[in-house]
Amino acid sequence: MDEDKQLLEKMKLRILRSFRWKEDVITPLASELEITNEEFEKILMNHLDMSGLEALHATLESARPKCIAEKLHADLRLCWLCDVMEIITVEESNRIKTNLVNDIINGKKYSDALEIGKKQVLDLLLIE
């Protein structure tokens, strides 16, 4: 491996092994994929250039609310109640998810927010 390539790899590893990257990106995604942190670092180094690595953490943070909302959508069965059966409106679904996402981002445990969401969904369903 030539010196430039070694230097580039070293620079990429410094980014990937920084505390925020390790805590927010590497460890959770490697765990989700059931691979080691080192294997996931190698994947990112192979697929992203320096500018991609430098910008990715902020991009992932901005995607976090959307990911949480999509998980809530599935876990609250809104794919059935809103998308298929249409007994909960898109607006009602979005209102519930938006409030819950904000609560989760502000520190509420996902499981607690999910229970609140289930009660809100049930309240909507019981309205005649």
Protein backbone atom coordinates (compact mmCIF):
# COMPACT_ATOMS: atom_id res chain seq x y z
CA MET A 1 0.00 0.00 0.00
CA ASP A 2 1.48 3.34 -0.96
CA GLU A 3 1.94 6.22 1.49
CA ASP A 4 -0.99 8.28 0.18
CA LYS A 5 -3.35 5.36 0.52
CA GLN A 6 -2.12 4.64 4.04
CA LEU A 7 -2.54 8.27 5.03
CA LEU A 8 -6.07 8.37 3.61
CA GLU A 9 -6.99 5.20 5.50
CA LYS A 10 -5.53 6.64 8.71
CA MET A 11 -7.52 9.87 8.27
CA LYS A 12 -10.74 7.97 7.61
CA LEU A 13 -10.17 5.80 10.69
CA ARG A 14 -9.66 8.90 12.85
CA ILE A 15 -13.07 10.15 11.79
CA LEU A 16 -14.77 6.79 12.24
CA ARG A 17 -13.20 6.16 15.64
CA SER A 18 -14.05 9.56 17.08
CA PHE A 19 -16.33 9.33 20.09
CA ARG A 20 -19.49 10.68 18.39
CA TRP A 21 -19.08 8.48 15.33
CA LYS A 22 -18.43 5.41 17.43
CA GLU A 23 -21.41 6.04 19.74
CA ASP A 24 -23.92 7.31 17.15
CA VAL A 25 -23.04 5.38 14.01
CA ILE A 26 -20.51 2.57 14.19
CA THR A 27 -21.61 0.66 17.30
CA PRO A 28 -25.39 0.73 16.71
CA LEU A 29 -25.24 -0.10 12.99
CA ALA A 30 -22.59 -2.80 13.39
CA SER A 31 -24.69 -4.34 16.13
CA GLU A 32 -27.80 -4.18 13.95
CA LEU A 33 -25.94 -5.89 11.10
CA GLU A 34 -24.41 -8.38 13.57
CA ILE A 35 -20.83 -7.60 12.56
CA THR A 36 -17.87 -6.16 14.45
CA ASN A 37 -17.21 -2.44 14.64
CA GLU A 38 -14.03 -3.00 12.66
CA GLU A 39 -15.91 -4.77 9.86
CA PHE A 40 -18.40 -1.91 9.63
CA GLU A 41 -15.60 0.68 9.66
CA LYS A 42 -14.01 -1.15 6.72
CA ILE A 43 -17.34 -1.11 4.84
CA LEU A 44 -17.70 2.64 5.34
CA MET A 45 -14.09 3.30 4.35
CA ASN A 46 -14.61 1.32 1.13
CA HIS A 47 -17.85 3.07 0.22
CA LEU A 48 -17.27 6.67 1.31
CA ASP A 49 -14.65 9.22 0.43
CA MET A 50 -13.39 11.80 2.94
CA SER A 51 -16.08 14.38 2.20
CA GLY A 52 -18.75 11.71 2.47
CA LEU A 53 -17.42 10.62 5.84
CA GLU A 54 -17.18 14.19 7.11
CA ALA A 55 -20.77 14.97 6.11
CA LEU A 56 -22.37 11.67 7.02
CA HIS A 57 -22.70 12.13 10.78
CA ALA A 58 -24.78 15.29 10.38
CA THR A 59 -26.85 13.57 7.70
CA LEU A 60 -27.51 10.61 9.97
CA GLU A 61 -28.54 12.93 12.80
CA SER A 62 -30.99 14.73 10.52
CA ALA A 63 -32.43 11.36 9.42
CA ARG A 64 -32.97 10.20 13.00
CA PRO A 65 -36.47 11.73 13.40
CA LYS A 66 -37.60 10.15 10.14
CA CYS A 67 -36.29 6.73 11.20
CA ILE A 68 -38.04 7.00 14.57
CA ALA A 69 -41.29 8.08 12.88
CA GLU A 70 -41.14 5.14 10.47
CA LYS A 71 -40.54 2.72 13.35
CA LEU A 72 -43.47 4.21 15.26
CA HIS A 73 -45.63 3.96 12.12
CA ALA A 74 -44.95 0.22 11.99
CA ASP A 75 -45.11 -0.44 15.73
CA LEU A 76 -48.41 1.44 16.14
CA ARG A 77 -49.79 -0.54 13.17
CA LEU A 78 -50.55 2.70 11.36
CA CYS A 79 -49.66 0.94 8.13
CA TRP A 80 -52.94 -0.95 8.66
CA LEU A 81 -55.06 1.60 10.48
CA CYS A 82 -54.08 4.60 8.37
CA ASP A 83 -52.67 3.34 5.09
CA VAL A 84 -54.89 0.30 4.46
CA MET A 85 -58.12 0.67 6.43
CA GLU A 86 -58.08 4.47 6.47
CA ILE A 87 -59.81 4.63 9.86
CA ILE A 88 -57.14 6.99 11.14
CA THR A 89 -56.34 9.96 8.92
CA VAL A 90 -52.87 10.76 7.68
CA GLU A 91 -53.04 14.03 9.64
CA GLU A 92 -53.92 12.22 12.89
CA SER A 93 -51.19 9.66 12.28
CA ASN A 94 -48.60 12.38 11.59
CA ARG A 95 -49.66 14.36 14.67
CA ILE A 96 -49.22 11.34 16.94
CA LYS A 97 -45.87 10.41 15.41
CA THR A 98 -44.52 13.97 15.47
CA ASN A 99 -45.31 14.38 19.16
CA LEU A 100 -43.82 11.01 20.03
CA VAL A 101 -40.68 11.60 17.95
CA ASN A 102 -40.11 14.89 19.76
CA ASP A 103 -40.56 13.16 23.12
CA ILE A 104 -38.08 10.42 22.17
CA ILE A 105 -35.49 12.88 20.89
CA ASN A 106 -35.88 14.82 24.15
CA GLY A 107 -35.04 11.72 26.19
CA LYS A 108 -38.21 9.68 26.66
CA LYS A 109 -37.65 5.95 26.33
CA TYR A 110 -39.00 4.52 23.08
CA SER A 111 -41.06 1.90 24.93
CA ASP A 112 -42.73 4.60 27.05
CA ALA A 113 -43.49 6.75 24.02
CA LEU A 114 -44.88 3.70 22.21
CA GLU A 115 -47.30 3.01 25.08
CA ILE A 116 -48.49 6.62 24.96
CA GLY A 117 -48.91 6.31 21.20
CA LYS A 118 -50.97 3.12 21.56
CA LYS A 119 -53.31 4.93 23.95
CA GLN A 120 -53.64 7.84 21.53
CA VAL A 121 -54.41 5.49 18.65
CA LEU A 122 -57.00 3.66 20.73
CA ASP A 123 -58.58 6.98 21.75
CA LEU A 124 -58.94 7.85 18.06
CA LEU A 125 -60.45 4.47 17.27
CA LEU A 126 -63.01 4.75 20.07
CA ILE A 127 -64.35 8.09 18.84
CA GLU A 128 -67.71 7.51 17.16
